[in-house]
């Protein structure tokens, strides 16, 4: 991308609402939607931003490094990527956790070892299931115990990774088509009949409607599926969409260099939450 957007954002937790710091939103890598707070969280080259329905934008905490993979579980954001220019850290930061309430952040796993370019989290019967794709090796890595231990799966070089709602199936978008794994990334098979998707996301386990997958294909169309096999085209995603997520109210949010958009009809129409 050659475009970059300038945005003035208030630092979350500042005592004075007039304190603002200019920020250049040069890349968007991931997005998450929390309908309970009516906020979207956006992973950017300049840290994690929160976007409220009133179009207010704030940085979540003070960390301003390059957030590549990002996923939310409850009130905690998990992310991976590269350090800020002024940080004396390894180029691949591993996995960090970031409190949505306090803005505090800390490394929790694989420090200096991996840079996940896509991450996904879901509630499994055993607890939090987290998966990521390491940018250096293309390898899928999975943790089912809160990032304490990890298993290394197949190197597939996927663009986007998503659990289904119950962390039973792991989906990956590749140049060869949509792949699915039922053994935590150790093996993958082609999802027969699926469109050629670039992005994929799943509604969470506590969705108030029927659980479904949402994806954006190579032509920019939004498609939804109840099972990863049968897909329905519902509309066109906003231009330059780089990330997609599904909230537990069934709404879909997408983000890109032009801003954040939300759809309450599975991609047929869109409302802008914030413009970058």
Protein backbone atom coordinates (compact mmCIF):
# COMPACT_ATOMS: atom_id res chain seq x y z
CA UNK A 1 0.00 0.00 0.00
CA UNK A 2 1.19 3.50 -0.77
CA UNK A 3 -1.50 5.41 1.08
CA UNK A 4 -1.28 6.42 4.71
CA UNK A 5 -3.87 8.16 6.82
CA UNK A 6 -3.19 10.75 9.51
CA UNK A 7 -5.35 10.53 12.60
CA UNK A 8 -5.32 12.47 15.85
CA UNK A 9 -5.95 10.08 18.71
CA UNK A 10 -6.20 10.58 22.45
CA UNK A 11 -4.09 8.24 24.55
CA UNK A 12 -6.37 5.96 26.58
CA UNK A 13 -6.10 6.77 30.26
CA UNK A 14 -4.93 10.39 29.81
CA UNK A 15 -6.30 12.79 32.42
CA UNK A 16 -6.91 15.61 29.95
CA UNK A 17 -9.27 14.99 27.02
CA UNK A 18 -7.48 17.74 25.10
CA UNK A 19 -4.20 15.80 25.00
CA UNK A 20 -3.84 14.36 21.52
CA UNK A 21 -1.01 12.74 19.64
CA UNK A 22 -0.93 12.68 15.84
CA UNK A 23 -0.58 9.18 14.44
CA UNK A 24 -0.06 7.88 10.94
CA UNK A 25 -2.15 4.79 10.23
CA UNK A 26 0.07 3.25 7.59
CA UNK A 27 -1.14 -0.36 7.74
CA UNK A 28 -4.03 -2.32 9.23
CA UNK A 29 -3.41 -5.97 10.04
CA UNK A 30 -6.32 -7.24 12.16
CA UNK A 31 -9.62 -6.17 13.71
CA UNK A 32 -11.90 -7.34 16.50
CA UNK A 33 -15.45 -6.36 17.46
CA UNK A 34 -16.76 -6.16 21.03
CA UNK A 35 -20.50 -5.41 20.80
CA UNK A 36 -20.80 -5.19 24.60
CA UNK A 37 -18.70 -2.02 24.61
CA UNK A 38 -19.72 -1.14 21.04
CA UNK A 39 -16.05 -0.83 20.13
CA UNK A 40 -13.80 -2.24 17.44
CA UNK A 41 -10.12 -2.88 18.12
CA UNK A 42 -7.70 -2.43 15.25
CA UNK A 43 -4.17 -3.79 14.94
CA UNK A 44 -2.01 -1.27 13.10
CA UNK A 45 1.63 -0.60 12.34
CA UNK A 46 1.43 1.92 15.17
CA UNK A 47 -0.16 -0.13 17.95
CA UNK A 48 -3.70 -1.15 18.88
CA UNK A 49 -6.48 1.40 18.38
CA UNK A 50 -10.02 1.30 19.75
CA UNK A 51 -12.86 2.71 17.69
CA UNK A 52 -16.19 3.56 19.34
CA UNK A 53 -19.57 3.91 17.68
CA UNK A 54 -19.42 7.68 18.13
CA UNK A 55 -16.38 7.68 15.81
CA UNK A 56 -13.95 8.41 18.66
CA UNK A 57 -10.55 6.74 18.28
CA UNK A 58 -8.07 6.04 21.09
CA UNK A 59 -4.84 4.17 21.43
CA UNK A 60 -5.14 1.22 23.81
CA UNK A 61 -2.26 1.77 26.21
CA UNK A 62 1.11 3.25 25.31
CA UNK A 63 2.61 0.48 23.18
CA UNK A 64 3.14 1.75 19.64
CA UNK A 65 4.94 -1.12 17.93
CA UNK A 66 3.89 -3.00 14.81
CA UNK A 67 0.93 -5.20 15.71
CA UNK A 68 0.62 -7.97 13.12
CA UNK A 69 -1.55 -10.77 14.52
CA UNK A 70 -4.22 -9.86 17.09
CA UNK A 71 -7.16 -11.57 18.78
CA UNK A 72 -9.32 -10.84 21.82
CA UNK A 73 -10.48 -13.12 24.65
CA UNK A 74 -12.73 -11.46 27.20
CA UNK A 75 -11.15 -8.19 28.30
CA UNK A 76 -7.68 -9.09 27.06
CA UNK A 77 -6.14 -8.55 23.65
CA UNK A 78 -3.39 -10.91 22.54
CA UNK A 79 -1.01 -9.72 19.85
CA UNK A 80 2.25 -10.40 18.05
CA UNK A 81 4.49 -8.43 15.73
CA UNK A 82 7.54 -6.20 15.92
CA UNK A 83 8.80 -3.68 18.51
CA UNK A 84 8.45 0.07 18.33
CA UNK A 85 11.51 1.91 16.92
CA UNK A 86 12.63 3.08 20.38
CA UNK A 87 12.37 -0.36 22.04
CA UNK A 88 15.38 -2.56 22.65
CA UNK A 89 13.59 -5.81 21.87
CA UNK A 90 14.07 -8.75 19.50
CA UNK A 91 12.60 -8.14 16.03
CA UNK A 92 9.96 -10.82 16.67
CA UNK A 93 8.22 -10.04 19.95
CA UNK A 94 6.39 -13.34 20.44
CA UNK A 95 2.99 -13.07 22.11
CA UNK A 96 1.91 -10.15 24.30
CA UNK A 97 -1.24 -9.55 26.29
CA UNK A 98 -2.87 -6.13 26.53
CA UNK A 99 -5.58 -5.17 29.02
CA UNK A 100 -8.49 -3.40 27.36
CA UNK A 101 -9.31 -1.74 30.69
CA UNK A 102 -5.95 -0.47 31.96
CA UNK A 103 -3.87 -0.45 28.77
CA UNK A 104 -1.13 -2.41 30.57
CA UNK A 105 0.80 -4.85 28.39
CA UNK A 106 3.33 -7.62 28.95
CA UNK A 107 5.02 -10.45 27.03
CA UNK A 108 3.65 -13.89 27.86
CA UNK A 109 5.07 -16.40 25.37
CA UNK A 110 7.61 -17.14 22.60
CA UNK A 111 9.51 -13.86 23.10
CA UNK A 112 12.11 -13.41 20.37
CA UNK A 113 10.93 -16.60 18.67
CA UNK A 114 7.88 -15.85 16.53
CA UNK A 115 6.04 -13.11 14.72
CA UNK A 116 2.47 -14.24 14.16
CA UNK A 117 1.01 -12.53 11.09
CA UNK A 118 -2.41 -13.99 11.82
CA UNK A 119 -3.88 -15.03 15.17
CA UNK A 120 -7.19 -16.53 16.23
CA UNK A 121 -8.75 -17.27 19.62
CA UNK A 122 -11.82 -19.28 20.53
CA UNK A 123 -13.45 -20.75 23.62
CA UNK A 124 -12.94 -24.51 23.69
CA UNK A 125 -14.23 -26.98 26.30
CA UNK A 126 -10.73 -26.90 27.83
CA UNK A 127 -10.45 -23.10 27.93
CA UNK A 128 -8.80 -20.59 25.62
CA UNK A 129 -7.53 -21.97 22.31
CA UNK A 130 -5.02 -19.71 20.56
CA UNK A 131 -3.46 -20.30 17.14
CA UNK A 132 -1.07 -18.31 14.99
CA UNK A 133 0.97 -18.46 11.80
CA UNK A 134 4.66 -17.66 12.17
CA UNK A 135 5.73 -15.30 9.40
CA UNK A 136 9.26 -16.71 9.16
CA UNK A 137 8.34 -20.37 8.72
CA UNK A 138 4.66 -20.31 7.74
CA UNK A 139 4.16 -22.80 10.53
CA UNK A 140 0.88 -23.07 12.40
CA UNK A 141 1.30 -23.04 16.18
CA UNK A 142 -1.46 -23.83 18.68
CA UNK A 143 -1.88 -23.42 22.43
CA UNK A 144 -4.87 -24.70 24.38
CA UNK A 145 -3.70 -23.69 27.86
CA UNK A 146 -3.55 -19.91 27.78
CA UNK A 147 -0.26 -19.66 25.82
CA UNK A 148 1.65 -21.74 28.38
CA UNK A 149 2.60 -24.55 25.98
CA UNK A 150 2.54 -24.76 22.20
CA UNK A 151 2.41 -27.43 19.52
CA UNK A 152 3.90 -26.84 16.08
CA UNK A 153 1.86 -27.90 13.09
CA UNK A 154 2.20 -27.80 9.34
CA UNK A 155 3.91 -24.92 7.47
CA UNK A 156 1.24 -23.72 5.05
CA UNK A 157 1.99 -20.04 4.42
CA UNK A 158 -1.62 -18.94 4.96
CA UNK A 159 -2.88 -15.35 4.79
CA UNK A 160 -5.64 -15.62 7.40
CA UNK A 161 -6.42 -18.09 10.17
CA UNK A 162 -9.63 -18.71 12.12
CA UNK A 163 -11.08 -21.27 14.50
CA UNK A 164 -14.71 -22.15 14.16
CA UNK A 165 -16.91 -21.06 17.07
CA UNK A 166 -15.94 -24.00 19.30
CA UNK A 167 -12.24 -24.31 18.37
CA UNK A 168 -12.85 -27.68 16.76
CA UNK A 169 -11.84 -26.77 13.23
CA UNK A 170 -9.02 -24.46 12.20
CA UNK A 171 -9.48 -22.71 8.84
CA UNK A 172 -6.70 -21.14 6.76
CA UNK A 173 -6.87 -19.11 3.57
CA UNK A 174 -4.14 -19.94 1.06
CA UNK A 175 -3.41 -19.31 -2.61
CA UNK A 176 -4.55 -22.86 -3.28
CA UNK A 177 -7.90 -22.34 -1.54
CA UNK A 178 -9.45 -22.69 1.89
CA UNK A 179 -7.91 -25.39 4.09
CA UNK A 180 -9.28 -26.91 7.27
CA UNK A 181 -7.62 -28.83 10.12
CA UNK A 182 -9.27 -30.93 12.82
CA UNK A 183 -6.01 -31.79 14.65
CA UNK A 184 -4.69 -28.35 15.67
CA UNK A 185 -2.82 -27.72 12.44
CA UNK A 186 -0.93 -31.00 12.25
CA UNK A 187 -2.68 -31.78 8.95
CA UNK A 188 -4.90 -29.78 6.61
CA UNK A 189 -7.35 -30.77 3.90
CA UNK A 190 -9.06 -28.71 1.22
CA UNK A 191 -12.48 -27.33 2.14
CA UNK A 192 -14.32 -28.62 -0.92
CA UNK A 193 -16.64 -26.12 -2.54
CA UNK A 194 -15.31 -23.12 -0.63
CA UNK A 195 -14.59 -19.91 -2.54
CA UNK A 196 -11.07 -18.54 -2.91
CA UNK A 197 -10.94 -16.48 0.27
CA UNK A 198 -8.31 -13.99 1.38
CA UNK A 199 -9.72 -13.32 4.85
CA UNK A 200 -11.76 -15.48 7.20
CA UNK A 201 -13.27 -15.10 10.68
CA UNK A 202 -15.81 -16.88 12.86
CA UNK A 203 -18.52 -15.76 15.18
CA UNK A 204 -17.64 -16.59 18.82
CA UNK A 205 -19.15 -19.44 20.84
CA UNK A 206 -21.57 -17.08 22.62
CA UNK A 207 -23.07 -15.65 19.44
CA UNK A 208 -26.72 -14.72 19.94
CA UNK A 209 -27.62 -15.97 16.45
CA UNK A 210 -26.62 -19.16 14.62
CA UNK A 211 -22.83 -19.49 14.51
CA UNK A 212 -21.25 -18.80 11.13
CA UNK A 213 -18.02 -18.13 9.30
CA UNK A 214 -17.45 -14.92 7.35
CA UNK A 215 -14.88 -14.38 4.63
CA UNK A 216 -13.75 -11.94 1.98
CA UNK A 217 -12.80 -13.44 -1.38
CA UNK A 218 -10.19 -12.36 -3.93
CA UNK A 219 -12.75 -10.12 -5.67
CA UNK A 220 -13.72 -8.32 -2.47
CA UNK A 221 -17.05 -10.03 -1.90
CA UNK A 222 -18.25 -11.00 1.57
CA UNK A 223 -19.42 -14.58 1.96
CA UNK A 224 -20.87 -16.40 4.96
CA UNK A 225 -21.14 -20.08 5.81
CA UNK A 226 -22.71 -22.11 8.63
CA UNK A 227 -20.30 -25.01 8.17
CA UNK A 228 -17.33 -24.04 5.98
CA UNK A 229 -18.81 -26.00 3.08
CA UNK A 230 -21.84 -24.04 1.86
CA UNK A 231 -21.14 -20.36 1.24
CA UNK A 232 -23.48 -17.47 0.41
CA UNK A 233 -22.35 -14.20 -1.15
CA UNK A 234 -23.95 -11.37 0.81
CA UNK A 235 -22.40 -8.19 -0.59
CA UNK A 236 -19.25 -6.30 -1.41
CA UNK A 237 -16.74 -5.38 1.30
CA UNK A 238 -15.62 -1.74 1.56
CA UNK A 239 -12.59 -0.91 -0.62
CA UNK A 240 -9.10 -1.83 0.66
CA UNK A 241 -10.40 -4.17 3.36
CA UNK A 242 -7.47 -5.87 5.13
CA UNK A 243 -9.16 -7.51 8.13
CA UNK A 244 -12.50 -9.01 9.14
CA UNK A 245 -14.11 -10.11 12.41
CA UNK A 246 -17.51 -11.22 13.70
CA UNK A 247 -19.11 -10.04 16.95
CA UNK A 248 -21.27 -12.15 19.25
CA UNK A 249 -24.33 -10.24 18.06
CA UNK A 250 -23.73 -11.56 14.54
CA UNK A 251 -22.47 -8.25 13.15
CA UNK A 252 -19.41 -8.13 10.91
CA UNK A 253 -16.66 -5.54 11.11
CA UNK A 254 -13.94 -4.89 8.54
CA UNK A 255 -10.94 -2.58 8.67
CA UNK A 256 -8.45 -1.20 6.20
CA UNK A 257 -6.39 1.85 5.41
CA UNK A 258 -9.55 3.89 4.78
CA UNK A 259 -11.15 3.11 8.15
CA UNK A 260 -13.46 0.74 10.02
CA UNK A 261 -16.89 -0.36 8.78
CA UNK A 262 -19.62 -2.41 10.45
CA UNK A 263 -22.47 -4.43 8.96
CA UNK A 264 -25.52 -5.70 10.80
CA UNK A 265 -26.88 -7.63 7.81
CA UNK A 266 -23.91 -9.93 7.13
CA UNK A 267 -22.23 -7.66 4.62
CA UNK A 268 -25.14 -6.42 2.53
CA UNK A 269 -24.78 -2.83 3.80
CA UNK A 270 -22.08 -1.03 5.79
CA UNK A 271 -21.85 1.81 8.30
CA UNK A 272 -18.54 3.60 8.83
CA UNK A 273 -17.36 3.53 12.44
CA UNK A 274 -14.24 5.61 11.84
CA UNK A 275 -12.39 7.08 8.88
CA UNK A 276 -8.58 7.01 8.79
